Amino acid sequence: MSRTRYWSVRNARWLKTLYASVEWLLIKANPLLQKIGYERLDRPFVRIEKMTKGVLLDSQSCGQCIVSFTGLSCPMNCPKAMRNGPCGGVRDDGTCEVKPDMKCVWVLAWEGNKRLSNDGYPIQVVQPPMDHRLIGHSAWLRELRLKTRDPAAASSDEI
């Protein structure tokens, strides 16, 4: 899957546009999604996310996607699972200290971030630690609830 990771970073600008379009559609569909129920929609959305984000971004489906901050490079591909990186173990040639045959996820993230130049440098925003209770849940629905200001949104207590 590293090929898709490299591809997504090289194509970060238009993928970000595609991502924003999906977000716009979800926001428009939110009243209907709310009526159906987020809990009922979680599993189907997880399957869709695995198919789309898994293929396009080599996403690891952590339930709290931050690829818009990391140049469309999923940081959960880091062997150390660093959400704020790099870890300091990047070799001179840009490969990972743990897996020398793999390009460092954070080197890719910086490359992708440069391609999103009109967005500034969102990679510099420190991300919260990963909440392992959200693994296997839809990141899109969680983000939708945050964007539409659903008070129960990102509350991991309900998961």
Protein backbone atom coordinates (compact mmCIF):
# COMPACT_ATOMS: atom_id res chain seq x y z
CA MET A 1 0.00 0.00 0.00
CA SER A 2 2.98 2.33 0.13
CA ARG A 3 2.41 3.14 -3.56
CA THR A 4 -0.99 4.63 -2.76
CA ARG A 5 0.57 6.59 0.09
CA TYR A 6 3.14 8.10 -2.27
CA TRP A 7 0.47 8.74 -4.89
CA SER A 8 -1.84 10.52 -2.44
CA VAL A 9 0.96 12.82 -1.30
CA ARG A 10 1.90 13.65 -4.92
CA ASN A 11 -1.77 14.41 -5.64
CA ALA A 12 -2.55 16.10 -2.32
CA ARG A 13 -3.96 19.29 -3.79
CA TRP A 14 -6.76 17.76 -5.88
CA LEU A 15 -7.42 15.03 -3.29
CA LYS A 16 -7.96 17.75 -0.71
CA THR A 17 -10.49 19.32 -3.09
CA LEU A 18 -12.22 15.97 -3.48
CA TYR A 19 -12.21 15.53 0.30
CA ALA A 20 -13.77 18.98 0.74
CA SER A 21 -16.48 18.08 -1.80
CA VAL A 22 -17.36 14.93 0.12
CA GLU A 23 -17.50 16.97 3.32
CA TRP A 24 -19.80 19.51 1.65
CA LEU A 25 -22.13 16.70 0.48
CA LEU A 26 -22.22 15.18 3.95
CA ILE A 27 -23.05 18.53 5.53
CA LYS A 28 -25.90 19.00 3.04
CA ALA A 29 -27.14 15.46 3.76
CA ASN A 30 -26.80 15.86 7.52
CA PRO A 31 -30.51 16.39 8.30
CA LEU A 32 -31.29 13.06 6.62
CA LEU A 33 -28.30 11.34 8.24
CA GLN A 34 -29.44 12.66 11.62
CA LYS A 35 -32.93 11.22 11.10
CA ILE A 36 -31.52 7.83 10.14
CA GLY A 37 -29.23 7.96 13.16
CA TYR A 38 -25.46 8.24 13.38
CA GLU A 39 -25.19 5.00 15.38
CA ARG A 40 -27.06 3.11 12.66
CA LEU A 41 -24.87 4.64 9.95
CA ASP A 42 -21.53 4.07 11.67
CA ARG A 43 -20.80 0.58 10.30
CA PRO A 44 -21.75 1.32 6.68
CA PHE A 45 -19.67 4.52 6.81
CA VAL A 46 -16.69 2.62 8.22
CA ARG A 47 -16.90 0.19 5.29
CA ILE A 48 -17.07 3.06 2.79
CA GLU A 49 -14.16 4.82 4.49
CA LYS A 50 -12.04 1.66 4.38
CA MET A 51 -12.74 1.28 0.67
CA THR A 52 -12.13 4.91 -0.27
CA LYS A 53 -9.62 6.26 2.22
CA GLY A 54 -7.93 2.88 2.50
CA VAL A 55 -7.30 2.74 -1.23
CA LEU A 56 -6.66 6.42 -1.90
CA LEU A 57 -4.72 7.37 1.23
CA ASP A 58 -3.54 4.07 2.72
CA SER A 59 -5.61 5.08 5.75
CA GLN A 60 -5.49 2.87 8.83
CA SER A 61 -9.06 3.70 9.95
CA CYS A 62 -8.26 5.07 13.40
CA GLY A 63 -11.62 6.88 13.63
CA GLN A 64 -10.03 10.29 14.06
CA CYS A 65 -8.53 11.10 10.68
CA ILE A 66 -6.03 13.96 10.54
CA VAL A 67 -4.79 13.58 6.94
CA SER A 68 -5.95 17.12 6.16
CA PHE A 69 -3.24 18.24 8.62
CA THR A 70 -0.60 15.80 7.37
CA GLY A 71 -0.46 16.43 3.65
CA LEU A 72 -2.78 13.48 2.92
CA SER A 73 -0.28 11.05 4.46
CA CYS A 74 -1.87 8.87 7.16
CA PRO A 75 0.37 9.14 10.25
CA MET A 76 -0.95 5.81 11.54
CA ASN A 77 1.34 4.15 8.98
CA CYS A 78 4.25 5.20 11.18
CA PRO A 79 5.58 2.07 12.95
CA LYS A 80 5.63 4.12 16.16
CA ALA A 81 2.06 5.44 15.51
CA MET A 82 3.21 9.04 15.94
CA ARG A 83 0.37 11.56 15.53
CA ASN A 84 2.83 14.41 15.83
CA GLY A 85 6.08 13.69 14.15
CA PRO A 86 8.61 12.94 13.05
CA CYS A 87 9.89 10.85 15.91
CA GLY A 88 13.53 11.78 15.45
CA GLY A 89 14.35 8.46 13.87
CA VAL A 90 14.30 9.65 10.28
CA ARG A 91 17.40 8.52 8.41
CA ASP A 92 19.41 10.91 6.23
CA ASP A 93 17.79 9.49 3.09
CA GLY A 94 14.26 10.10 4.46
CA THR A 95 13.52 6.49 5.37
CA CYS A 96 12.18 5.19 8.67
CA GLU A 97 14.54 4.03 11.42
CA VAL A 98 12.24 1.11 12.29
CA LYS A 99 11.50 0.05 8.70
CA PRO A 100 14.46 1.16 6.56
CA ASP A 101 12.74 0.06 3.35
CA MET A 102 9.87 2.50 4.01
CA LYS A 103 9.95 6.25 3.42
CA CYS A 104 9.13 8.09 6.66
CA VAL A 105 5.44 8.93 6.87
CA TRP A 106 6.34 12.37 8.20
CA VAL A 107 8.73 13.13 5.35
CA LEU A 108 5.80 12.33 3.04
CA ALA A 109 3.51 14.47 5.19
CA TRP A 110 5.79 17.51 4.78
CA GLU A 111 5.96 16.91 1.01
CA GLY A 112 2.16 16.73 0.83
CA ASN A 113 1.85 19.83 2.98
CA LYS A 114 4.04 21.77 0.54
CA ARG A 115 1.64 20.82 -2.25
CA LEU A 116 -1.19 22.36 -0.21
CA SER A 117 0.66 25.69 -0.16
CA ASN A 118 -2.54 27.74 -0.36
CA ASP A 119 -3.61 26.18 2.96
CA GLY A 120 -0.55 27.37 4.85
CA TYR A 121 1.10 24.70 6.97
CA PRO A 122 -1.58 22.82 8.91
CA ILE A 123 1.03 20.17 9.73
CA GLN A 124 2.34 22.55 12.40
CA VAL A 125 -0.88 22.22 14.42
CA VAL A 126 -0.21 19.88 17.34
CA GLN A 127 -2.71 17.01 17.29
CA PRO A 128 -4.27 15.45 20.39
CA PRO A 129 -3.20 11.93 21.33
CA MET A 130 -5.06 9.09 19.69
CA ASP A 131 -8.20 7.90 21.44
CA HIS A 132 -8.10 4.14 20.94
CA ARG A 133 -11.82 3.87 21.74
CA LEU A 134 -12.57 5.49 18.37
CA ILE A 135 -10.80 2.83 16.29
CA GLY A 136 -13.34 1.10 14.08
CA HIS A 137 -15.74 4.05 14.10
CA SER A 138 -16.43 6.48 11.27
CA ALA A 139 -14.14 9.49 11.18
CA TRP A 140 -16.41 11.14 8.61
CA LEU A 141 -19.49 10.96 10.84
CA ARG A 142 -17.49 12.18 13.81
CA GLU A 143 -16.17 15.13 11.79
CA LEU A 144 -19.65 15.84 10.41
CA ARG A 145 -21.05 16.05 13.91
CA LEU A 146 -18.28 18.44 14.89
CA LYS A 147 -18.84 20.64 11.82
CA THR A 148 -22.60 20.78 12.37
CA ARG A 149 -22.09 21.48 16.07
CA ASP A 150 -23.89 18.39 17.32
CA PRO A 151 -23.44 18.59 21.11
CA ALA A 152 -22.92 14.84 21.34
CA ALA A 153 -20.32 15.05 18.58
CA ALA A 154 -16.89 13.71 19.28
CA SER A 155 -17.92 12.60 22.72
CA SER A 156 -16.05 9.37 22.98
CA ASP A 157 -18.10 8.56 26.09
CA GLU A 158 -20.98 7.42 23.90
CA ILE A 159 -18.82 5.02 21.93
